[in-house]
Each structure stands twice: as structure tokens, then as C-alpha cells.
């Protein structure tokens, strides 16, 4: 029983990068924004700013409308020593070009939330 409880607590703190990857790959802004923190830094090419969750959702929606995602694949990911933050780097292929996507996530209320998202041309 104790093993089950310990395993369950690890699962709730471990992020589902699969869900985030699927959302990016399909351009699913609703699902992707559900992983956003209340305030998030977004940098798309040379345009960088801090947004609240709703504004960030619109920024990503605009980006995806101009750059229809075809696929997203994770290249690298890592976790901090204290396991309170995680990052992921991946390649996004769109109808226009390919981008490198960097995500930085922190633990908030027992789950990982995206605090920073950077999209740069490859």
C-alpha cells in the first residue's frame, strides 16, 4: 500500500510532456494553455514579453494561425536537482518553416506549469 501511495505522488508531480508535445504538434492552443502558469514569458523570434494566461493563449493562437504545425518532436529534456523545475527542447515543423521550441516548467500546486516558452527559427 505504501508503495502505491509513493508511486501516486510521483506521478502527480511528473509532467506529461507527451500531452504538451501533442498539443504543440497539432496546434491545440486550448490544451497547451492548460499547462500555462498564471504568468508566462513568451519569446517568438525577436518578440519577447510577459503575459497573463489568457494573453499568452492569444499570442500562441496567432502564431499557430500563421504557422500551421505539422509535427513536434522532443530533442532533449532535463530536470533540476531539486526536481522543482524541468525543461524541454524540441523541433516544431510548420507549414512555413522549422522552429526550435524551448519550454521551462516549475512545480506549482503539485504539477508542472509552463513559465517560459521560446520559439526560434532553426
N, C-alpha and C. Protein backbone atom coordinates (compact mmCIF):
# COMPACT_ATOMS: atom_id res chain seq x y z
N UNK A 1 0.82 -1.19 0.00
CA UNK A 1 0.00 0.00 0.00
C UNK A 1 0.87 1.26 0.00
N UNK A 2 1.92 1.26 0.82
CA UNK A 2 2.82 2.41 0.88
C UNK A 2 3.49 2.65 -0.46
N UNK A 3 3.87 1.59 -1.16
CA UNK A 3 4.48 1.72 -2.48
C UNK A 3 3.52 2.39 -3.46
N UNK A 4 2.24 2.04 -3.39
CA UNK A 4 1.24 2.63 -4.28
C UNK A 4 1.09 4.13 -4.00
N UNK A 5 1.06 4.51 -2.73
CA UNK A 5 0.93 5.91 -2.34
C UNK A 5 2.13 6.70 -2.82
N UNK A 6 3.33 6.17 -2.62
CA UNK A 6 4.54 6.85 -3.08
C UNK A 6 4.56 6.97 -4.60
N UNK A 7 4.19 5.92 -5.30
CA UNK A 7 4.15 5.95 -6.76
C UNK A 7 3.13 6.98 -7.25
N UNK A 8 1.99 7.06 -6.59
CA UNK A 8 0.95 8.02 -6.98
C UNK A 8 1.42 9.45 -6.80
N UNK A 9 2.15 9.72 -5.73
CA UNK A 9 2.62 11.09 -5.51
C UNK A 9 3.67 11.48 -6.54
N UNK A 10 4.48 10.55 -6.98
CA UNK A 10 5.48 10.83 -8.01
C UNK A 10 4.79 11.12 -9.34
N UNK A 11 3.75 10.39 -9.65
CA UNK A 11 3.03 10.57 -10.91
C UNK A 11 2.39 11.95 -10.98
N UNK A 12 1.83 12.45 -9.88
CA UNK A 12 1.17 13.74 -9.93
C UNK A 12 2.16 14.89 -10.10
N UNK A 13 3.40 14.72 -9.65
CA UNK A 13 4.39 15.78 -9.78
C UNK A 13 5.11 15.68 -11.12
N UNK A 14 5.12 14.52 -11.74
CA UNK A 14 5.82 14.31 -13.00
C UNK A 14 4.99 14.87 -14.15
N UNK A 15 5.56 15.77 -14.95
CA UNK A 15 4.77 16.40 -16.02
C UNK A 15 4.48 15.45 -17.16
N UNK A 16 3.42 15.72 -17.84
CA UNK A 16 3.09 14.94 -19.03
C UNK A 16 3.58 15.70 -20.25
N UNK A 17 4.86 15.52 -20.55
CA UNK A 17 5.41 16.17 -21.74
C UNK A 17 4.78 15.60 -23.00
N UNK A 18 4.24 14.40 -22.90
CA UNK A 18 3.55 13.82 -24.05
C UNK A 18 2.34 14.67 -24.42
N UNK A 19 1.56 15.08 -23.43
CA UNK A 19 0.38 15.92 -23.67
C UNK A 19 0.76 17.28 -24.23
N UNK A 20 1.84 17.85 -23.71
CA UNK A 20 2.32 19.14 -24.21
C UNK A 20 2.80 18.99 -25.64
N UNK A 21 3.56 17.93 -25.90
CA UNK A 21 4.07 17.69 -27.26
C UNK A 21 2.94 17.50 -28.26
N UNK A 22 1.93 16.73 -27.88
CA UNK A 22 0.78 16.52 -28.77
C UNK A 22 0.06 17.84 -29.05
N UNK A 23 -0.10 18.66 -28.02
CA UNK A 23 -0.78 19.95 -28.19
C UNK A 23 0.00 20.86 -29.14
N UNK A 24 1.31 20.91 -29.00
CA UNK A 24 2.12 21.73 -29.90
C UNK A 24 2.06 21.17 -31.31
N UNK A 25 2.21 19.87 -31.45
CA UNK A 25 2.22 19.22 -32.76
C UNK A 25 0.94 19.45 -33.54
N UNK A 26 -0.18 19.48 -32.83
CA UNK A 26 -1.47 19.64 -33.51
C UNK A 26 -1.96 21.09 -33.51
N UNK A 27 -1.22 21.98 -32.84
CA UNK A 27 -1.67 23.37 -32.75
C UNK A 27 -2.87 23.55 -31.84
N UNK A 28 -3.02 22.66 -30.86
CA UNK A 28 -4.15 22.68 -29.94
C UNK A 28 -3.87 23.69 -28.81
N UNK A 29 -4.26 24.93 -29.03
CA UNK A 29 -3.98 26.01 -28.09
C UNK A 29 -4.72 25.80 -26.77
N UNK A 30 -5.93 25.28 -26.81
CA UNK A 30 -6.71 25.05 -25.58
C UNK A 30 -5.96 24.12 -24.63
N UNK A 31 -5.51 22.99 -25.15
CA UNK A 31 -4.80 22.03 -24.32
C UNK A 31 -3.46 22.59 -23.87
N UNK A 32 -2.71 23.19 -24.80
CA UNK A 32 -1.41 23.75 -24.45
C UNK A 32 -1.54 24.80 -23.36
N UNK A 33 -2.52 25.69 -23.48
CA UNK A 33 -2.67 26.77 -22.50
C UNK A 33 -3.09 26.25 -21.13
N UNK A 34 -3.64 25.04 -21.06
CA UNK A 34 -3.99 24.47 -19.76
C UNK A 34 -2.73 24.16 -18.94
N UNK A 35 -1.58 24.09 -19.60
CA UNK A 35 -0.31 23.86 -18.91
C UNK A 35 0.39 25.17 -18.55
N UNK A 36 -0.12 26.33 -19.00
CA UNK A 36 0.50 27.62 -18.72
C UNK A 36 0.34 27.99 -17.25
N UNK A 37 1.37 28.66 -16.70
CA UNK A 37 1.27 29.25 -15.38
C UNK A 37 0.40 30.50 -15.50
N UNK A 38 0.06 31.11 -14.39
CA UNK A 38 -0.78 32.32 -14.43
C UNK A 38 -0.08 33.46 -15.16
N UNK A 39 1.24 33.50 -15.09
CA UNK A 39 2.05 34.47 -15.82
C UNK A 39 3.13 33.68 -16.56
N UNK A 40 3.32 34.00 -17.84
CA UNK A 40 4.26 33.22 -18.65
C UNK A 40 5.05 34.16 -19.55
N UNK A 41 6.33 33.88 -19.68
CA UNK A 41 7.19 34.63 -20.60
C UNK A 41 7.17 33.91 -21.94
N UNK A 42 6.82 34.64 -22.99
CA UNK A 42 6.81 34.05 -24.33
C UNK A 42 7.73 34.88 -25.22
N UNK A 43 8.61 34.17 -25.91
CA UNK A 43 9.51 34.81 -26.87
C UNK A 43 9.33 34.09 -28.20
N UNK A 44 8.85 34.83 -29.19
CA UNK A 44 8.70 34.28 -30.53
C UNK A 44 9.60 35.12 -31.44
N UNK A 45 10.64 34.49 -31.93
CA UNK A 45 11.67 35.17 -32.70
C UNK A 45 12.22 36.32 -31.84
N UNK A 46 12.10 37.56 -32.29
CA UNK A 46 12.65 38.68 -31.52
C UNK A 46 11.62 39.37 -30.64
N UNK A 47 10.40 38.88 -30.62
CA UNK A 47 9.32 39.48 -29.83
C UNK A 47 9.19 38.73 -28.51
N UNK A 48 9.53 39.40 -27.41
CA UNK A 48 9.54 38.75 -26.10
C UNK A 48 8.81 39.60 -25.09
N UNK A 49 7.94 38.96 -24.28
CA UNK A 49 7.21 39.70 -23.26
C UNK A 49 6.62 38.72 -22.24
N UNK A 50 6.14 39.27 -21.12
CA UNK A 50 5.42 38.51 -20.11
C UNK A 50 3.93 38.71 -20.34
N UNK A 51 3.16 37.63 -20.22
CA UNK A 51 1.72 37.68 -20.46
C UNK A 51 1.00 36.95 -19.35
N UNK A 52 -0.26 37.35 -19.11
CA UNK A 52 -1.07 36.51 -18.24
C UNK A 52 -1.55 35.33 -19.10
N UNK A 53 -2.15 34.37 -18.48
CA UNK A 53 -2.52 33.12 -19.16
C UNK A 53 -3.39 33.35 -20.40
N UNK A 54 -4.39 34.23 -20.29
CA UNK A 54 -5.30 34.48 -21.42
C UNK A 54 -4.59 35.19 -22.57
N UNK A 55 -3.75 36.17 -22.24
CA UNK A 55 -2.99 36.87 -23.29
C UNK A 55 -2.03 35.91 -23.99
N UNK A 56 -1.38 35.07 -23.21
CA UNK A 56 -0.43 34.10 -23.76
C UNK A 56 -1.13 33.15 -24.73
N UNK A 57 -2.32 32.74 -24.36
CA UNK A 57 -3.12 31.87 -25.22
C UNK A 57 -3.36 32.53 -26.58
N UNK A 58 -3.68 33.82 -26.59
CA UNK A 58 -3.91 34.55 -27.84
C UNK A 58 -2.63 34.69 -28.66
N UNK A 59 -1.51 34.92 -27.99
CA UNK A 59 -0.22 35.04 -28.68
C UNK A 59 0.11 33.73 -29.40
N UNK A 60 -0.06 32.62 -28.71
CA UNK A 60 0.24 31.31 -29.32
C UNK A 60 -0.77 30.99 -30.41
N UNK A 61 -2.04 31.33 -30.19
CA UNK A 61 -3.06 31.10 -31.22
C UNK A 61 -2.71 31.86 -32.50
N UNK A 62 -2.26 33.10 -32.37
CA UNK A 62 -1.86 33.91 -33.53
C UNK A 62 -0.66 33.29 -34.23
N UNK A 63 0.32 32.84 -33.45
CA UNK A 63 1.49 32.19 -34.04
C UNK A 63 1.09 30.94 -34.82
N UNK A 64 0.25 30.09 -34.21
CA UNK A 64 -0.17 28.85 -34.87
C UNK A 64 -1.04 29.13 -36.11
N UNK A 65 -1.79 30.23 -36.10
CA UNK A 65 -2.62 30.54 -37.28
C UNK A 65 -1.75 30.95 -38.47
N UNK A 66 -0.61 31.54 -38.18
CA UNK A 66 0.32 31.95 -39.24
C UNK A 66 1.32 30.85 -39.60
N UNK A 67 1.50 29.92 -38.70
CA UNK A 67 2.48 28.83 -38.85
C UNK A 67 1.81 27.52 -38.43
N UNK A 68 1.04 26.94 -39.33
CA UNK A 68 0.28 25.72 -39.01
C UNK A 68 1.22 24.57 -38.66
N UNK A 69 1.15 24.07 -37.42
CA UNK A 69 2.03 22.97 -37.01
C UNK A 69 1.76 21.69 -37.80
N UNK A 70 2.85 21.04 -38.18
CA UNK A 70 2.77 19.73 -38.84
C UNK A 70 3.26 18.63 -37.91
N UNK A 71 4.32 18.93 -37.15
CA UNK A 71 4.84 17.95 -36.20
C UNK A 71 5.70 18.64 -35.15
N UNK A 72 5.83 17.97 -34.02
CA UNK A 72 6.71 18.44 -32.95
C UNK A 72 7.39 17.22 -32.36
N UNK A 73 8.70 17.29 -32.20
CA UNK A 73 9.43 16.19 -31.58
C UNK A 73 10.40 16.73 -30.54
N UNK A 74 10.40 16.10 -29.38
CA UNK A 74 11.32 16.50 -28.32
C UNK A 74 12.72 16.03 -28.68
N UNK A 75 13.68 16.92 -28.46
CA UNK A 75 15.08 16.59 -28.72
C UNK A 75 15.81 16.33 -27.42
N UNK A 76 15.46 17.10 -26.39
CA UNK A 76 16.17 16.99 -25.12
C UNK A 76 15.26 17.46 -24.00
N UNK A 77 15.42 16.87 -22.83
CA UNK A 77 14.70 17.33 -21.65
C UNK A 77 15.54 17.05 -20.42
N UNK A 78 15.28 17.80 -19.37
CA UNK A 78 16.04 17.61 -18.14
C UNK A 78 15.26 18.13 -16.95
N UNK A 79 15.71 17.71 -15.75
CA UNK A 79 15.07 18.10 -14.50
C UNK A 79 16.12 18.66 -13.57
N UNK A 80 15.76 19.68 -12.80
CA UNK A 80 16.69 20.26 -11.84
C UNK A 80 16.99 19.25 -10.73
N UNK A 81 18.09 19.49 -10.01
CA UNK A 81 18.48 18.59 -8.91
C UNK A 81 17.38 18.46 -7.88
N UNK A 82 16.72 19.57 -7.57
CA UNK A 82 15.65 19.54 -6.58
C UNK A 82 14.33 19.05 -7.14
N UNK A 83 14.30 18.74 -8.41
CA UNK A 83 13.11 18.25 -9.12
C UNK A 83 11.94 19.24 -9.04
N UNK A 84 12.26 20.54 -8.87
CA UNK A 84 11.20 21.54 -8.83
C UNK A 84 11.07 22.30 -10.14
N UNK A 85 11.94 21.97 -11.09
CA UNK A 85 11.82 22.58 -12.42
C UNK A 85 12.27 21.58 -13.48
N UNK A 86 11.81 21.83 -14.70
CA UNK A 86 12.08 20.92 -15.82
C UNK A 86 12.16 21.77 -17.08
N UNK A 87 12.94 21.30 -18.04
CA UNK A 87 12.97 21.98 -19.32
C UNK A 87 12.85 20.96 -20.44
N UNK A 88 12.42 21.43 -21.58
CA UNK A 88 12.29 20.58 -22.76
C UNK A 88 12.66 21.41 -23.98
N UNK A 89 13.40 20.80 -24.88
CA UNK A 89 13.76 21.44 -26.14
C UNK A 89 13.27 20.52 -27.25
N UNK A 90 12.59 21.12 -28.24
CA UNK A 90 12.06 20.30 -29.32
C UNK A 90 12.06 21.03 -30.64
N UNK A 91 11.77 20.27 -31.70
CA UNK A 91 11.69 20.82 -33.05
C UNK A 91 10.23 20.85 -33.50
N UNK A 92 9.80 22.03 -33.93
CA UNK A 92 8.45 22.22 -34.45
C UNK A 92 8.55 22.45 -35.95
N UNK A 93 7.90 21.59 -36.72
CA UNK A 93 7.83 21.77 -38.17
C UNK A 93 6.45 22.33 -38.48
N UNK A 94 6.44 23.47 -39.19
CA UNK A 94 5.18 24.11 -39.55
C UNK A 94 5.05 24.15 -41.07
N UNK A 95 3.94 24.70 -41.52
CA UNK A 95 3.71 24.83 -42.96
C UNK A 95 4.70 25.79 -43.60
N UNK A 96 5.30 26.67 -42.81
CA UNK A 96 6.23 27.67 -43.34
C UNK A 96 7.70 27.31 -43.18
N UNK A 97 8.06 26.85 -41.99
CA UNK A 97 9.47 26.60 -41.69
C UNK A 97 9.58 25.72 -40.44
N UNK A 98 10.79 25.51 -39.97
CA UNK A 98 11.03 24.73 -38.75
C UNK A 98 11.50 25.66 -37.65
N UNK A 99 11.09 25.35 -36.43
CA UNK A 99 11.43 26.15 -35.27
C UNK A 99 12.00 25.27 -34.17
N UNK A 100 12.79 25.88 -33.31
CA UNK A 100 13.26 25.24 -32.09
C UNK A 100 12.40 25.80 -30.98
N UNK A 101 11.80 24.91 -30.17
CA UNK A 101 10.93 25.33 -29.08
C UNK A 101 11.58 24.94 -27.75
N UNK A 102 11.70 25.92 -26.87
CA UNK A 102 12.26 25.72 -25.55
C UNK A 102 11.16 25.98 -24.52
N UNK A 103 10.95 25.03 -23.61
CA UNK A 103 9.95 25.17 -22.54
C UNK A 103 10.64 25.06 -21.19
N UNK A 104 10.28 25.96 -20.27
CA UNK A 104 10.77 25.90 -18.91
C UNK A 104 9.56 25.79 -18.00
N UNK A 105 9.57 24.77 -17.13
CA UNK A 105 8.42 24.49 -16.27
C UNK A 105 8.84 24.42 -14.80
N UNK A 106 7.95 24.87 -13.92
CA UNK A 106 8.16 24.79 -12.47
C UNK A 106 6.99 24.06 -11.84
N UNK A 107 7.23 23.50 -10.66
CA UNK A 107 6.16 22.86 -9.91
C UNK A 107 5.31 23.93 -9.25
N UNK A 108 4.00 23.84 -9.44
CA UNK A 108 3.06 24.76 -8.81
C UNK A 108 1.85 23.93 -8.37
N UNK A 109 1.60 23.90 -7.07
CA UNK A 109 0.49 23.11 -6.52
C UNK A 109 0.54 21.65 -6.95
N UNK A 110 1.73 21.07 -6.96
CA UNK A 110 1.87 19.64 -7.23
C UNK A 110 1.93 19.24 -8.69
N UNK A 111 1.91 20.21 -9.62
CA UNK A 111 2.03 19.85 -11.03
C UNK A 111 2.94 20.85 -11.74
N UNK A 112 3.52 20.40 -12.83
CA UNK A 112 4.38 21.29 -13.60
C UNK A 112 3.53 22.23 -14.45
N UNK A 113 3.94 23.51 -14.46
CA UNK A 113 3.29 24.52 -15.30
C UNK A 113 4.38 25.22 -16.12
N UNK A 114 4.03 25.60 -17.34
CA UNK A 114 4.98 26.26 -18.23
C UNK A 114 5.11 27.72 -17.81
N UNK A 115 6.33 28.13 -17.49
CA UNK A 115 6.59 29.52 -17.12
C UNK A 115 7.28 30.28 -18.24
N UNK A 116 7.91 29.56 -19.15
CA UNK A 116 8.61 30.22 -20.24
C UNK A 116 8.52 29.36 -21.49
N UNK A 117 8.24 30.02 -22.61
CA UNK A 117 8.16 29.34 -23.90
C UNK A 117 8.88 30.21 -24.92
N UNK A 118 9.88 29.63 -25.59
CA UNK A 118 10.65 30.35 -26.60
C UNK A 118 10.56 29.61 -27.92
N UNK A 119 10.30 30.35 -28.99
CA UNK A 119 10.21 29.78 -30.32
C UNK A 119 11.16 30.54 -31.22
N UNK A 120 12.16 29.85 -31.73
CA UNK A 120 13.17 30.45 -32.60
C UNK A 120 13.29 29.65 -33.89
N UNK A 121 13.65 30.32 -34.97
CA UNK A 121 13.89 29.60 -36.22
C UNK A 121 15.12 28.72 -36.04
N UNK A 122 15.08 27.56 -36.67
CA UNK A 122 16.22 26.65 -36.60
C UNK A 122 17.33 27.13 -37.49
